[in-house]
């Protein structure tokens, strides 16, 4: 469920009104006057919330969900659950995106009118330093000893811990930042994730209603972007160091004391466990896990889960010893072919 510090819920709405807004049929034997209070992920939803189920990897959460209502595919057996009112639709993710927009119409950007650069309700700790042009939104909190560079933006409700250092032109929204965090110039934390439900001829934006959690002693490089979660959080673990020009997508979870070198790109819902090292230019596919202490060589492409404590290289990434054996074998084959061509 969306954090009220950052998002305004326009609900509740009756089930009948929701179905009419989404242009779908009211499910059989359901109470159209029942009030739906919020949208939520399957694992977080309660009896007054509505969710959706569209992918097999979420089946465990679907079986255990406490949601009151759930959008599902048309071919899902209705006897699969007795506690949830199922709403069969052509595209559960698309309908959910439409309904989420009904509850949270102003979800995309933190744009609020205010007369002063520092909102009167913002709270600044002792010995904070604000360079010229800094804007701080309503309800934001800045910890003792934190310094913020010129023309940086701190959105409404954002909390930044003690003794942090932010460069110029930094943007932080929909986020909580721990103590002793360093953010270099141009970084953007809390932007909307790149999430769409695509049908023929149309891409429907899925509202990004989560947050970014940056734990203590993290360093974030220049022009790095960290997207907020879709329904949950994007988390950067304590002590992790992130280089310049890194892209971290929605719902990524990075463990403690990891290293991400420049131009790494992490797709949505990637998990990186503690002490992993990701070389420059590595791309990681969505919903994959990189194990604890694992090392991935520069310019590799990670397409599947990687085991703990091992080194990987190449596209697709495989064990380093396998990759270099393949390289050596290809070099020998090329040399043999070259010799044959000259005979």
Protein backbone atom coordinates (compact mmCIF):
# COMPACT_ATOMS: atom_id res chain seq x y z
CA UNK A 1 0.00 0.00 0.00
CA UNK A 2 1.19 3.49 -0.80
CA UNK A 3 2.86 5.57 1.92
CA UNK A 4 0.59 8.48 2.90
CA UNK A 5 3.64 10.73 3.33
CA UNK A 6 4.05 10.70 -0.44
CA UNK A 7 0.75 9.72 -2.03
CA UNK A 8 -2.83 10.91 -1.60
CA UNK A 9 -5.42 8.13 -1.76
CA UNK A 10 -8.67 9.37 -3.31
CA UNK A 11 -10.61 6.26 -2.21
CA UNK A 12 -12.62 4.48 -1.04
CA UNK A 13 -14.69 3.58 -4.10
CA UNK A 14 -17.50 1.09 -4.46
CA UNK A 15 -16.74 -2.09 -6.39
CA UNK A 16 -19.40 -1.15 -8.92
CA UNK A 17 -17.81 2.26 -9.52
CA UNK A 18 -14.38 0.65 -9.95
CA UNK A 19 -15.68 -1.81 -12.52
CA UNK A 20 -17.49 0.95 -14.40
CA UNK A 21 -14.35 3.12 -14.42
CA UNK A 22 -12.24 0.24 -15.76
CA UNK A 23 -14.98 -0.73 -18.25
CA UNK A 24 -15.24 -4.29 -17.00
CA UNK A 25 -18.16 -6.39 -15.78
CA UNK A 26 -19.09 -6.62 -12.12
CA UNK A 27 -18.24 -10.19 -11.01
CA UNK A 28 -21.13 -12.57 -10.47
CA UNK A 29 -22.62 -12.81 -6.96
CA UNK A 30 -20.56 -9.86 -5.73
CA UNK A 31 -21.68 -6.84 -3.73
CA UNK A 32 -21.36 -3.82 -5.99
CA UNK A 33 -21.83 -1.48 -3.00
CA UNK A 34 -18.84 -2.91 -1.13
CA UNK A 35 -16.15 -0.28 -0.53
CA UNK A 36 -12.63 -0.85 -1.76
CA UNK A 37 -10.17 1.28 0.21
CA UNK A 38 -6.85 0.80 -1.57
CA UNK A 39 -4.76 -1.03 -4.17
CA UNK A 40 -1.96 -3.28 -2.98
CA UNK A 41 0.40 -6.08 -3.93
CA UNK A 42 -0.82 -9.60 -3.24
CA UNK A 43 1.46 -10.04 -0.24
CA UNK A 44 0.52 -6.74 1.38
CA UNK A 45 -3.21 -6.57 0.59
CA UNK A 46 -5.87 -6.88 3.27
CA UNK A 47 -9.62 -7.54 3.20
CA UNK A 48 -10.42 -3.95 2.14
CA UNK A 49 -7.86 -3.86 -0.69
CA UNK A 50 -7.87 -4.88 -4.34
CA UNK A 51 -4.90 -6.58 -6.05
CA UNK A 52 -4.07 -8.51 -9.23
CA UNK A 53 -2.57 -11.84 -10.26
CA UNK A 54 -1.21 -12.37 -13.76
CA UNK A 55 2.12 -14.24 -13.59
CA UNK A 56 2.94 -17.74 -12.37
CA UNK A 57 5.88 -16.54 -10.26
CA UNK A 58 3.35 -14.76 -8.01
CA UNK A 59 1.27 -17.89 -7.43
CA UNK A 60 2.55 -18.43 -3.89
CA UNK A 61 1.55 -14.90 -2.92
CA UNK A 62 -1.79 -15.34 -4.66
CA UNK A 63 -2.58 -18.52 -2.73
CA UNK A 64 -1.78 -16.75 0.56
CA UNK A 65 -3.22 -13.30 -0.16
CA UNK A 66 -5.71 -11.68 2.20
CA UNK A 67 -6.97 -9.27 -0.48
CA UNK A 68 -10.69 -8.68 -0.63
CA UNK A 69 -10.74 -8.58 -4.44
CA UNK A 70 -8.29 -9.64 -7.14
CA UNK A 71 -8.13 -9.14 -10.90
CA UNK A 72 -7.22 -12.44 -12.58
CA UNK A 73 -7.01 -13.94 -16.04
CA UNK A 74 -10.19 -15.22 -17.61
CA UNK A 75 -9.04 -18.85 -17.62
CA UNK A 76 -8.18 -19.03 -13.90
CA UNK A 77 -10.32 -21.63 -12.06
CA UNK A 78 -12.68 -19.82 -9.72
CA UNK A 79 -12.35 -22.48 -7.05
CA UNK A 80 -8.68 -21.61 -6.55
CA UNK A 81 -9.48 -19.50 -3.49
CA UNK A 82 -12.47 -19.16 -1.19
CA UNK A 83 -11.51 -15.95 0.57
CA UNK A 84 -10.99 -13.57 -2.35
CA UNK A 85 -13.57 -12.23 -4.78
CA UNK A 86 -12.02 -12.92 -8.19
CA UNK A 87 -12.61 -10.49 -11.04
CA UNK A 88 -11.72 -12.20 -14.35
CA UNK A 89 -10.45 -9.79 -17.03
CA UNK A 90 -8.51 -9.97 -20.29
CA UNK A 91 -5.42 -8.27 -18.85
CA UNK A 92 -5.16 -8.14 -15.03
CA UNK A 93 -2.10 -5.86 -15.00
CA UNK A 94 -3.71 -3.39 -17.40
CA UNK A 95 -6.97 -3.20 -15.44
CA UNK A 96 -5.06 -2.90 -12.17
CA UNK A 97 -3.02 -0.03 -13.63
CA UNK A 98 -6.22 1.79 -14.60
CA UNK A 99 -7.76 1.27 -11.16
CA UNK A 100 -4.56 2.31 -9.36
CA UNK A 101 -4.71 5.55 -11.32
CA UNK A 102 -8.25 6.09 -10.01
CA UNK A 103 -7.03 5.86 -6.41
CA UNK A 104 -3.81 7.83 -7.02
CA UNK A 105 -4.28 10.22 -9.97
CA UNK A 106 -1.25 12.34 -9.00
CA UNK A 107 1.23 9.49 -8.73
CA UNK A 108 3.74 10.36 -11.42
CA UNK A 109 5.77 13.33 -10.18
CA UNK A 110 6.18 15.27 -6.95
CA UNK A 111 5.04 18.67 -8.22
CA UNK A 112 3.57 20.91 -5.51
CA UNK A 113 3.03 24.64 -5.34
CA UNK A 114 4.80 26.41 -2.47
CA UNK A 115 5.68 30.07 -1.90
CA UNK A 116 9.06 29.60 -0.22
CA UNK A 117 11.99 27.46 -1.34
CA UNK A 118 11.97 25.77 2.08
CA UNK A 119 8.45 24.71 2.99
CA UNK A 120 7.38 25.94 6.46
CA UNK A 121 6.58 22.39 7.55
CA UNK A 122 10.05 21.05 6.63
CA UNK A 123 12.29 20.27 9.57
CA UNK A 124 16.01 21.02 9.44
CA UNK A 125 18.48 19.62 11.97
CA UNK A 126 21.37 21.41 13.62
CA UNK A 127 24.31 22.60 11.50
CA UNK A 128 22.69 21.82 8.18
CA UNK A 129 24.10 23.60 5.12
CA UNK A 130 21.90 24.54 2.17
CA UNK A 131 23.59 25.98 -0.91
CA UNK A 132 21.77 28.53 -3.13
CA UNK A 133 18.74 27.25 -5.01
CA UNK A 134 17.90 24.29 -2.76
CA UNK A 135 14.17 23.43 -2.65
CA UNK A 136 12.72 21.38 0.21
CA UNK A 137 9.11 20.18 0.13
CA UNK A 138 6.39 19.88 2.74
CA UNK A 139 7.06 17.59 5.67
CA UNK A 140 10.61 16.77 4.61
CA UNK A 141 13.20 16.11 7.32
CA UNK A 142 16.93 16.87 7.08
CA UNK A 143 19.20 15.45 9.78
CA UNK A 144 21.92 17.20 11.78
CA UNK A 145 25.08 18.12 9.91
CA UNK A 146 23.76 17.30 6.44
CA UNK A 147 24.96 19.46 3.52
CA UNK A 148 22.97 19.93 0.31
CA UNK A 149 24.48 21.36 -2.88
CA UNK A 150 23.15 24.09 -5.15
CA UNK A 151 19.83 23.64 -6.98
CA UNK A 152 19.03 20.31 -5.40
CA UNK A 153 15.44 19.21 -4.79
CA UNK A 154 14.16 17.33 -1.76
CA UNK A 155 10.53 16.28 -2.24
CA UNK A 156 7.65 16.29 0.22
CA UNK A 157 7.87 13.77 3.02
CA UNK A 158 11.47 12.78 2.22
CA UNK A 159 13.63 12.02 5.26
CA UNK A 160 17.42 12.39 5.06
CA UNK A 161 19.60 11.31 7.97
CA UNK A 162 22.55 12.86 9.78
CA UNK A 163 25.88 13.94 8.27
CA UNK A 164 24.94 13.29 4.66
CA UNK A 165 26.50 15.10 1.71
CA UNK A 166 24.51 15.83 -1.45
CA UNK A 167 26.06 17.43 -4.53
CA UNK A 168 24.45 19.99 -6.80
CA UNK A 169 21.36 19.25 -8.91
CA UNK A 170 20.44 16.17 -6.91
CA UNK A 171 16.76 15.15 -6.91
CA UNK A 172 15.32 12.99 -4.12
CA UNK A 173 11.61 12.16 -3.91
CA UNK A 174 9.51 9.35 -2.42
CA UNK A 175 12.52 8.23 -0.41
CA UNK A 176 14.08 7.69 3.01
CA UNK A 177 17.86 8.17 3.22
CA UNK A 178 19.98 7.00 6.15
CA UNK A 179 22.97 8.55 7.93
CA UNK A 180 26.35 9.40 6.37
CA UNK A 181 25.13 8.92 2.81
CA UNK A 182 26.98 10.59 -0.06
CA UNK A 183 25.11 11.48 -3.26
CA UNK A 184 27.12 13.00 -6.11
CA UNK A 185 25.84 15.72 -8.44
CA UNK A 186 23.03 14.98 -10.86
CA UNK A 187 21.77 11.82 -9.18
CA UNK A 188 18.02 11.17 -9.25
CA UNK A 189 16.53 9.07 -6.45
CA UNK A 190 12.85 8.16 -6.38
CA UNK A 191 11.84 8.68 -9.99
CA UNK A 192 8.98 6.63 -11.40
CA UNK A 193 9.90 3.14 -12.52
CA UNK A 194 9.54 2.17 -16.18
CA UNK A 195 6.41 0.07 -15.84
CA UNK A 196 3.71 -0.39 -18.48
CA UNK A 197 1.02 -2.91 -19.32
CA UNK A 198 1.18 -3.26 -23.08
CA UNK A 199 -1.62 -4.36 -25.38
CA UNK A 200 -1.95 -3.97 -29.13
CA UNK A 201 -1.76 -0.28 -29.91
CA UNK A 202 -1.50 0.94 -26.31
CA UNK A 203 0.90 1.12 -23.36
CA UNK A 204 -0.87 1.79 -20.06
CA UNK A 205 1.32 3.31 -17.35
CA UNK A 206 1.39 1.26 -14.15
CA UNK A 207 1.39 3.78 -11.27
CA UNK A 208 4.61 3.54 -9.29
CA UNK A 209 3.43 3.80 -5.69
CA UNK A 210 6.46 2.58 -3.76
CA UNK A 211 9.51 4.21 -2.20
CA UNK A 212 13.31 4.13 -2.24
CA UNK A 213 15.08 3.14 0.98
CA UNK A 214 18.77 4.08 1.12
CA UNK A 215 20.44 2.70 4.23
CA UNK A 216 23.42 4.16 6.15
CA UNK A 217 26.85 4.85 4.63
CA UNK A 218 25.79 4.33 1.03
CA UNK A 219 27.56 6.26 -1.73
CA UNK A 220 25.75 7.09 -4.98
CA UNK A 221 27.66 8.37 -8.02
CA UNK A 222 27.01 11.26 -10.36
CA UNK A 223 23.99 10.98 -12.69
CA UNK A 224 22.95 7.65 -11.23
CA UNK A 225 19.19 6.96 -11.20
CA UNK A 226 17.36 4.86 -8.63
CA UNK A 227 13.68 4.29 -9.41
CA UNK A 228 11.12 3.85 -6.65
CA UNK A 229 9.20 0.62 -6.26
CA UNK A 230 5.97 -0.09 -8.08
CA UNK A 231 4.02 -1.30 -5.04
CA UNK A 232 6.89 -2.15 -2.69
CA UNK A 233 10.28 -0.53 -2.10
CA UNK A 234 13.59 -0.26 -3.93
CA UNK A 235 16.25 -0.89 -1.27
CA UNK A 236 19.96 -0.02 -1.23
CA UNK A 237 21.70 -1.86 1.61
CA UNK A 238 24.05 -0.39 4.20
CA UNK A 239 27.57 0.40 3.04
CA UNK A 240 26.91 -0.24 -0.66
CA UNK A 241 28.91 1.89 -3.11
CA UNK A 242 27.42 2.82 -6.49
CA UNK A 243 29.50 4.43 -9.24
CA UNK A 244 28.45 7.07 -11.79
CA UNK A 245 25.79 6.50 -14.47
CA UNK A 246 24.19 3.43 -12.90
CA UNK A 247 20.51 2.63 -13.56
CA UNK A 248 18.60 0.84 -10.80
CA UNK A 249 15.01 -0.01 -11.73
CA UNK A 250 11.91 -0.40 -9.58
CA UNK A 251 11.74 -2.97 -6.78
CA UNK A 252 15.45 -3.79 -6.95
CA UNK A 253 16.88 -4.95 -3.63
CA UNK A 254 20.63 -4.55 -3.11
CA UNK A 255 22.26 -6.03 -0.02
CA UNK A 256 24.96 -4.68 2.28
CA UNK A 257 28.44 -3.59 1.14
CA UNK A 258 27.95 -4.29 -2.54
CA UNK A 259 29.92 -2.59 -5.31
CA UNK A 260 28.31 -1.46 -8.58
CA UNK A 261 30.73 0.02 -11.10
CA UNK A 262 29.80 2.64 -13.74
CA UNK A 263 27.05 1.98 -16.32
CA UNK A 264 25.59 -1.05 -14.60
CA UNK A 265 21.93 -1.50 -15.52
CA UNK A 266 19.62 -3.42 -13.21
CA UNK A 267 16.15 -4.26 -14.52
CA UNK A 268 13.07 -4.41 -12.30
CA UNK A 269 12.90 -6.72 -9.26
CA UNK A 270 16.56 -7.78 -9.38
CA UNK A 271 18.00 -8.99 -6.07
CA UNK A 272 21.70 -8.58 -5.29
CA UNK A 273 22.86 -10.22 -2.07
CA UNK A 274 25.50 -8.89 0.36
CA UNK A 275 29.09 -8.21 -0.76
CA UNK A 276 28.48 -8.81 -4.46
CA UNK A 277 30.66 -6.93 -6.95
CA UNK A 278 29.19 -5.95 -10.34
CA UNK A 279 31.68 -4.75 -12.98
CA UNK A 280 31.22 -1.81 -15.33
CA UNK A 281 28.58 -2.02 -18.03
CA UNK A 282 26.91 -5.18 -16.73
CA UNK A 283 23.24 -5.65 -17.63
CA UNK A 284 20.99 -7.73 -15.38
CA UNK A 285 17.63 -9.12 -16.57
CA UNK A 286 14.47 -8.65 -14.48
CA UNK A 287 13.58 -10.93 -11.54
CA UNK A 288 17.06 -12.44 -11.33
CA UNK A 289 19.16 -12.93 -8.19
CA UNK A 290 22.92 -12.45 -7.85
CA UNK A 291 24.32 -14.44 -4.96
CA UNK A 292 26.20 -13.32 -1.87
CA UNK A 293 29.84 -12.48 -2.57
CA UNK A 294 29.41 -13.13 -6.28
CA UNK A 295 31.56 -11.21 -8.77
CA UNK A 296 30.39 -10.35 -12.29
CA UNK A 297 33.00 -9.21 -14.83
CA UNK A 298 32.60 -5.98 -16.79
CA UNK A 299 30.27 -5.96 -19.84
CA UNK A 300 28.61 -9.24 -18.88
CA UNK A 301 24.92 -9.95 -19.40
CA UNK A 302 23.12 -11.70 -16.53
CA UNK A 303 20.10 -13.65 -17.80
CA UNK A 304 19.53 -16.09 -14.91
CA UNK A 305 20.22 -16.46 -11.17
CA UNK A 306 23.89 -16.61 -10.16
CA UNK A 307 25.17 -18.74 -7.28
CA UNK A 308 26.81 -17.41 -4.12
CA UNK A 309 30.53 -16.73 -4.01
CA UNK A 310 31.41 -17.42 -7.64
CA UNK A 311 32.80 -15.37 -10.53
CA UNK A 312 30.93 -14.94 -13.81
CA UNK A 313 31.78 -13.47 -17.20
CA UNK A 314 30.35 -13.07 -20.69
CA UNK A 315 27.00 -12.82 -22.44
CA UNK A 316 25.11 -14.67 -21.21
CA UNK A 317 27.06 -14.71 -17.95
CA UNK A 318 28.53 -18.08 -17.06
CA UNK A 319 31.23 -19.25 -14.67
CA UNK A 320 34.48 -17.43 -15.36
CA UNK A 321 36.51 -20.61 -15.90
CA UNK A 322 33.96 -21.79 -18.46
CA UNK A 323 33.95 -18.43 -20.24
CA UNK A 324 37.75 -18.24 -20.54
CA UNK A 325 37.97 -21.86 -21.66
CA UNK A 326 35.51 -21.02 -24.45
CA UNK A 327 37.54 -17.95 -25.41
CA UNK A 328 40.75 -19.99 -25.53
CA UNK A 329 39.06 -22.71 -27.59
CA UNK A 330 37.73 -20.19 -30.11
CA UNK A 331 41.17 -18.61 -30.39
CA UNK A 332 42.69 -22.00 -31.16
CA UNK A 333 40.00 -22.74 -33.75
CA UNK A 334 40.58 -19.37 -35.40
CA UNK A 335 44.34 -20.00 -35.48
CA UNK A 336 43.83 -23.47 -36.97
CA UNK A 337 41.50 -22.07 -39.65
CA UNK A 338 43.97 -19.33 -40.49
CA UNK A 339 46.77 -21.89 -40.90
CA UNK A 340 44.54 -24.05 -43.11
CA UNK A 341 43.70 -21.10 -45.33
CA UNK A 342 47.39 -20.50 -46.01
CA UNK A 343 48.20 -24.07 -47.02
